[in-house]
C-alpha atoms as a PDB file:
ATOM      1  CA  MET A   1     -43.831  78.305 -18.605  1.00  0.00           C
ATOM      2  CA  ARG A   2     -44.617  79.784 -22.007  1.00  0.00           C
ATOM      3  CA  LYS A   3     -47.114  82.213 -20.459  1.00  0.00           C
ATOM      4  CA  VAL A   4     -44.596  83.293 -17.823  1.00  0.00           C
ATOM      5  CA  LYS A   5     -41.983  84.041 -20.505  1.00  0.00           C
ATOM      6  CA  GLY A   6     -44.592  85.911 -22.523  1.00  0.00           C
ATOM      7  CA  LEU A   7     -45.612  88.007 -19.508  1.00  0.00           C
ATOM      8  CA  LEU A   8     -41.973  88.718 -18.704  1.00  0.00           C
ATOM      9  CA  ALA A   9     -41.301  89.805 -22.269  1.00  0.00           C
ATOM     10  CA  LEU A  10     -44.464  91.911 -22.313  1.00  0.00           C
ATOM     11  CA  SER A  11     -43.643  93.607 -19.020  1.00  0.00           C
ATOM     12  CA  THR A  12     -40.059  94.390 -19.994  1.00  0.00           C
ATOM     13  CA  ALA A  13     -41.199  95.711 -23.362  1.00  0.00           C
ATOM     14  CA  PHE A  14     -43.792  97.870 -21.593  1.00  0.00           C
ATOM     15  CA  LEU A  15     -41.117  99.205 -19.235  1.00  0.00           C
ATOM     16  CA  LEU A  16     -38.833  99.914 -22.157  1.00  0.00           C
ATOM     17  CA  LEU A  17     -41.525 101.746 -24.130  1.00  0.00           C
ATOM     18  CA  ASN A  18     -42.748 103.555 -21.005  1.00  0.00           C
ATOM     19  CA  SER A  19     -39.268 104.795 -20.249  1.00  0.00           C
ATOM     20  CA  PHE A  20     -38.996 106.191 -23.776  1.00  0.00           C
ATOM     21  CA  SER A  21     -42.192 108.195 -23.412  1.00  0.00           C
ATOM     22  CA  VAL A  22     -41.251 109.510 -19.952  1.00  0.00           C
ATOM     23  CA  SER A  23     -37.703 110.512 -20.921  1.00  0.00           C
ATOM     24  CA  LYS A  24     -36.737 114.162 -21.027  1.00  0.00           C
ATOM     25  CA  PRO A  25     -36.939 115.883 -24.385  1.00  0.00           C
ATOM     26  CA  ALA A  26     -33.714 116.638 -26.187  1.00  0.00           C
ATOM     27  CA  LYS A  27     -32.251 120.089 -25.466  1.00  0.00           C
ATOM     28  CA  THR A  28     -31.767 120.855 -29.108  1.00  0.00           C
ATOM     29  CA  PRO A  29     -34.656 120.532 -31.547  1.00  0.00           C
ATOM     30  CA  VAL A  30     -34.426 117.374 -33.603  1.00  0.00           C
ATOM     31  CA  ASN A  31     -35.844 117.067 -37.093  1.00  0.00           C
ATOM     32  CA  VAL A  32     -38.057 113.949 -37.007  1.00  0.00           C
ATOM     33  CA  SER A  33     -37.466 113.093 -40.654  1.00  0.00           C
ATOM     34  CA  ASP A  34     -33.685 113.190 -40.137  1.00  0.00           C
ATOM     35  CA  LYS A  35     -33.990 110.954 -37.094  1.00  0.00           C
ATOM     36  CA  ALA A  36     -36.254 108.501 -38.938  1.00  0.00           C
ATOM     37  CA  GLU A  37     -33.866 108.443 -41.884  1.00  0.00           C
ATOM     38  CA  LYS A  38     -30.890 107.741 -39.616  1.00  0.00           C
ATOM     39  CA  VAL A  39     -32.786 104.939 -37.825  1.00  0.00           C
ATOM     40  CA  SER A  40     -33.802 103.464 -41.173  1.00  0.00           C
ATOM     41  CA  THR A  41     -30.171 103.560 -42.311  1.00  0.00           C
ATOM     42  CA  LEU A  42     -29.043 101.838 -39.093  1.00  0.00           C
ATOM     43  CA  ILE A  43     -31.669  99.110 -39.562  1.00  0.00           C
ATOM     44  CA  THR A  44     -30.638  98.575 -43.179  1.00  0.00           C
ATOM     45  CA  ASP A  45     -26.976  98.348 -42.204  1.00  0.00           C
ATOM     46  CA  ALA A  46     -27.762  95.945 -39.353  1.00  0.00           C
ATOM     47  CA  ASN A  47     -29.793  93.716 -41.668  1.00  0.00           C
ATOM     48  CA  ALA A  48     -27.110  93.503 -44.334  1.00  0.00           C
ATOM     49  CA  ASP A  49     -26.142  89.977 -43.305  1.00  0.00           C
ATOM     50  CA  GLY A  50     -29.629  88.919 -42.176  1.00  0.00           C
ATOM     51  CA  THR A  51     -28.889  89.110 -38.449  1.00  0.00           C
ATOM     52  CA  VAL A  52     -28.899  91.945 -35.938  1.00  0.00           C
ATOM     53  CA  SER A  53     -26.271  92.023 -33.189  1.00  0.00           C
ATOM     54  CA  PHE A  54     -26.888  93.482 -29.728  1.00  0.00           C
ATOM     55  CA  LYS A  55     -24.539  96.393 -30.505  1.00  0.00           C
ATOM     56  CA  GLU A  56     -26.468  97.255 -33.658  1.00  0.00           C
ATOM     57  CA  LEU A  57     -29.784  96.948 -31.843  1.00  0.00           C
ATOM     58  CA  LYS A  58     -28.518  99.133 -28.999  1.00  0.00           C
ATOM     59  CA  ALA A  59     -27.412 101.783 -31.516  1.00  0.00           C
ATOM     60  CA  ILE A  60     -30.842 101.757 -33.183  1.00  0.00           C
ATOM     61  CA  VAL A  61     -32.742 102.110 -29.894  1.00  0.00           C
ATOM     62  CA  THR A  62     -30.329 104.773 -28.619  1.00  0.00           C
ATOM     63  CA  GLU A  63     -30.881 106.773 -31.819  1.00  0.00           C
ATOM     64  CA  MET A  64     -34.646 106.373 -31.473  1.00  0.00           C
ATOM     65  CA  LYS A  65     -34.566 107.552 -27.845  1.00  0.00           C
ATOM     66  CA  GLY A  66     -32.185 110.413 -28.507  1.00  0.00           C
ATOM     67  CA  SER A  67     -30.044 109.779 -25.425  1.00  0.00           C
ATOM     68  CA  LYS A  68     -28.088 106.979 -23.709  1.00  0.00           C
ATOM     69  CA  LEU A  69     -29.998 103.942 -22.457  1.00  0.00           C
ATOM     70  CA  SER A  70     -30.410 103.380 -18.742  1.00  0.00           C
ATOM     71  CA  GLY A  71     -29.420 100.117 -17.064  1.00  0.00           C
ATOM     72  CA  ALA A  72     -33.025  98.873 -16.961  1.00  0.00           C
ATOM     73  CA  GLU A  73     -33.479  99.682 -20.637  1.00  0.00           C
ATOM     74  CA  LYS A  74     -30.305  97.784 -21.559  1.00  0.00           C
ATOM     75  CA  ILE A  75     -31.517  94.745 -19.575  1.00  0.00           C
ATOM     76  CA  ALA A  76     -34.945  94.884 -21.217  1.00  0.00           C
ATOM     77  CA  LEU A  77     -33.313  95.199 -24.621  1.00  0.00           C
ATOM     78  CA  LYS A  78     -31.015  92.250 -23.903  1.00  0.00           C
ATOM     79  CA  LEU A  79     -33.952  90.112 -22.728  1.00  0.00           C
ATOM     80  CA  ASN A  80     -36.042  90.892 -25.807  1.00  0.00           C
ATOM     81  CA  LYS A  81     -33.164  91.002 -28.329  1.00  0.00           C
ATOM     82  CA  LYS A  82     -34.241  87.868 -30.239  1.00  0.00           C
ATOM     83  CA  LYS A  83     -37.852  89.002 -30.674  1.00  0.00           C
ATOM     84  CA  ILE A  84     -36.884  92.517 -31.701  1.00  0.00           C
ATOM     85  CA  ALA A  85     -34.164  91.318 -34.083  1.00  0.00           C
ATOM     86  CA  LYS A  86     -36.601  88.828 -35.619  1.00  0.00           C
ATOM     87  CA  ASN A  87     -39.087  91.623 -36.258  1.00  0.00           C
ATOM     88  CA  LEU A  88     -36.388  93.809 -37.800  1.00  0.00           C
ATOM     89  CA  THR A  89     -35.104  91.085 -40.095  1.00  0.00           C
ATOM     90  CA  SER A  90     -38.558  89.902 -41.122  1.00  0.00           C
ATOM     91  CA  ALA A  91     -39.478  93.488 -41.955  1.00  0.00           C
ATOM     92  CA  LYS A  92     -36.414  93.755 -44.173  1.00  0.00           C
ATOM     93  CA  PHE A  93     -36.607  90.399 -45.897  1.00  0.00           C
ATOM     94  CA  GLY A  94     -40.416  90.160 -46.029  1.00  0.00           C
ATOM     95  CA  SER A  95     -40.645  86.842 -44.260  1.00  0.00           C
ATOM     96  CA  GLU A  96     -44.118  85.466 -44.687  1.00  0.00           C
ATOM     97  CA  GLY A  97     -43.909  82.750 -42.065  1.00  0.00           C
ATOM     98  CA  LYS A  98     -45.136  79.197 -42.195  1.00  0.00           C
ATOM     99  CA  SER A  99     -48.469  77.843 -43.386  1.00  0.00           C
ATOM    100  CA  GLN A 100     -50.473  75.463 -41.198  1.00  0.00           C
ATOM    101  CA  LEU A 101     -51.870  73.779 -44.301  1.00  0.00           C
ATOM    102  CA  THR A 102     -48.373  73.088 -45.651  1.00  0.00           C
ATOM    103  CA  ALA A 103     -47.267  71.657 -42.283  1.00  0.00           C
ATOM    104  CA  THR A 104     -50.417  69.484 -42.156  1.00  0.00           C
ATOM    105  CA  LEU A 105     -49.879  68.081 -45.627  1.00  0.00           C
ATOM    106  CA  LEU A 106     -46.190  67.434 -44.993  1.00  0.00           C
ATOM    107  CA  CYS A 107     -47.058  65.613 -41.776  1.00  0.00           C
ATOM    108  CA  PHE A 108     -49.782  63.555 -43.460  1.00  0.00           C
ATOM    109  CA  PHE A 109     -47.737  62.425 -46.445  1.00  0.00           C
ATOM    110  CA  LEU A 110     -44.180  62.494 -45.059  1.00  0.00           C
ATOM    111  CA  GLY A 111     -44.770  62.318 -41.306  1.00  0.00           C
ATOM    112  CA  ALA A 112     -42.735  59.172 -40.816  1.00  0.00           C
ATOM    113  CA  LEU A 113     -39.733  61.003 -42.248  1.00  0.00           C
ATOM    114  CA  GLY A 114     -40.206  64.060 -39.977  1.00  0.00           C
ATOM    115  CA  ILE A 115     -40.178  66.504 -42.878  1.00  0.00           C
ATOM    116  CA  HIS A 116     -42.837  68.635 -41.178  1.00  0.00           C
ATOM    117  CA  ARG A 117     -40.492  69.122 -38.191  1.00  0.00           C
ATOM    118  CA  PHE A 118     -37.785  70.450 -40.506  1.00  0.00           C
ATOM    119  CA  TYR A 119     -40.336  72.767 -42.116  1.00  0.00           C
ATOM    120  CA  LEU A 120     -41.431  74.118 -38.711  1.00  0.00           C
ATOM    121  CA  GLY A 121     -37.816  74.731 -37.667  1.00  0.00           C
ATOM    122  CA  TYR A 122     -37.295  71.849 -35.235  1.00  0.00           C
ATOM    123  CA  THR A 123     -34.219  70.369 -36.899  1.00  0.00           C
ATOM    124  CA  TRP A 124     -33.087  67.967 -34.153  1.00  0.00           C
ATOM    125  CA  GLN A 125     -36.562  66.554 -33.679  1.00  0.00           C
ATOM    126  CA  GLY A 126     -36.798  66.133 -37.439  1.00  0.00           C
ATOM    127  CA  ILE A 127     -33.559  64.146 -37.449  1.00  0.00           C
ATOM    128  CA  VAL A 128     -34.783  61.932 -34.624  1.00  0.00           C
ATOM    129  CA  GLN A 129     -38.104  61.350 -36.388  1.00  0.00           C
ATOM    130  CA  LEU A 130     -36.214  60.526 -39.593  1.00  0.00           C
ATOM    131  CA  LEU A 131     -34.098  57.943 -37.804  1.00  0.00           C
ATOM    132  CA  THR A 132     -37.027  56.360 -35.897  1.00  0.00           C
ATOM    133  CA  LEU A 133     -39.514  56.570 -38.798  1.00  0.00           C
ATOM    134  CA  GLY A 134     -41.662  58.982 -36.872  1.00  0.00           C
ATOM    135  CA  GLY A 135     -41.575  56.914 -33.697  1.00  0.00           C
ATOM    136  CA  LEU A 136     -42.943  53.998 -35.788  1.00  0.00           C
ATOM    137  CA  GLY A 137     -45.779  56.285 -36.872  1.00  0.00           C
ATOM    138  CA  ILE A 138     -47.033  57.144 -33.410  1.00  0.00           C
ATOM    139  CA  TRP A 139     -45.067  60.395 -33.080  1.00  0.00           C
ATOM    140  CA  ALA A 140     -46.098  61.416 -36.612  1.00  0.00           C
ATOM    141  CA  LEU A 141     -49.772  60.781 -35.754  1.00  0.00           C
ATOM    142  CA  ILE A 142     -49.502  62.868 -32.576  1.00  0.00           C
ATOM    143  CA  ASP A 143     -47.790  65.655 -34.547  1.00  0.00           C
ATOM    144  CA  PHE A 144     -50.536  65.510 -37.188  1.00  0.00           C
ATOM    145  CA  ILE A 145     -53.204  66.051 -34.504  1.00  0.00           C
ATOM    146  CA  ARG A 146     -51.145  68.791 -32.834  1.00  0.00           C
ATOM    147  CA  ILE A 147     -50.710  70.645 -36.119  1.00  0.00           C
ATOM    148  CA  LEU A 148     -54.421  70.408 -36.881  1.00  0.00           C
ATOM    149  CA  THR A 149     -55.342  71.766 -33.432  1.00  0.00           C
ATOM    150  CA  GLY A 150     -52.690  74.456 -33.644  1.00  0.00           C
ATOM    151  CA  SER A 151     -50.720  73.372 -30.571  1.00  0.00           C
ATOM    152  CA  LEU A 152     -47.586  72.587 -32.639  1.00  0.00           C
ATOM    153  CA  GLN A 153     -46.448  76.000 -33.845  1.00  0.00           C
ATOM    154  CA  PRO A 154     -43.365  76.981 -35.879  1.00  0.00           C
ATOM    155  CA  LYS A 155     -40.248  77.421 -33.773  1.00  0.00           C
ATOM    156  CA  ASN A 156     -39.926  81.148 -34.346  1.00  0.00           C
ATOM    157  CA  GLY A 157     -43.496  82.259 -33.859  1.00  0.00           C
ATOM    158  CA  GLU A 158     -46.978  81.515 -35.063  1.00  0.00           C
ATOM    159  CA  TYR A 159     -48.396  80.403 -38.385  1.00  0.00           C
ATOM    160  CA  ALA A 160     -48.770  83.166 -40.931  1.00  0.00           C
ATOM    161  CA  LYS A 161     -51.642  81.287 -42.590  1.00  0.00           C
ATOM    162  CA  THR A 162     -53.925  79.019 -40.588  1.00  0.00           C
ATOM    163  CA  LEU A 163     -56.518  76.480 -41.638  1.00  0.00           C
END
């Protein structure tokens, strides 16, 4: 299922980028530095609160393209909104991501409390582990092995630093 979602996201992103490169050039000459400055301003304004709405994202992409978005482009943008917004906000705030070593150590020492799940972004699973003492240690042991092998990733992406 994860691969299917990844392929869908990749194909829609490809269609979106491909449509930008095939689009007709603007009738009036556009100064690239002015366009880049305007896009940069839009990104900064959108990131002011740490989140990017669909309207703000649509305005940024429309400015980058130089004309209105087609229906297919709007659908592709809507499907990939979370990934694009995450990249925009992490670029602004310099998010480093999660460390696999930190997750491993948290799971080893505090696995029964589910602290590693909170660290990785799985809040509800962390609460359940906290209440069940890590599934009486079994769930914590499985998580420890999964973190070591790399199959338990952070909720919003991959580890920034691996073992």
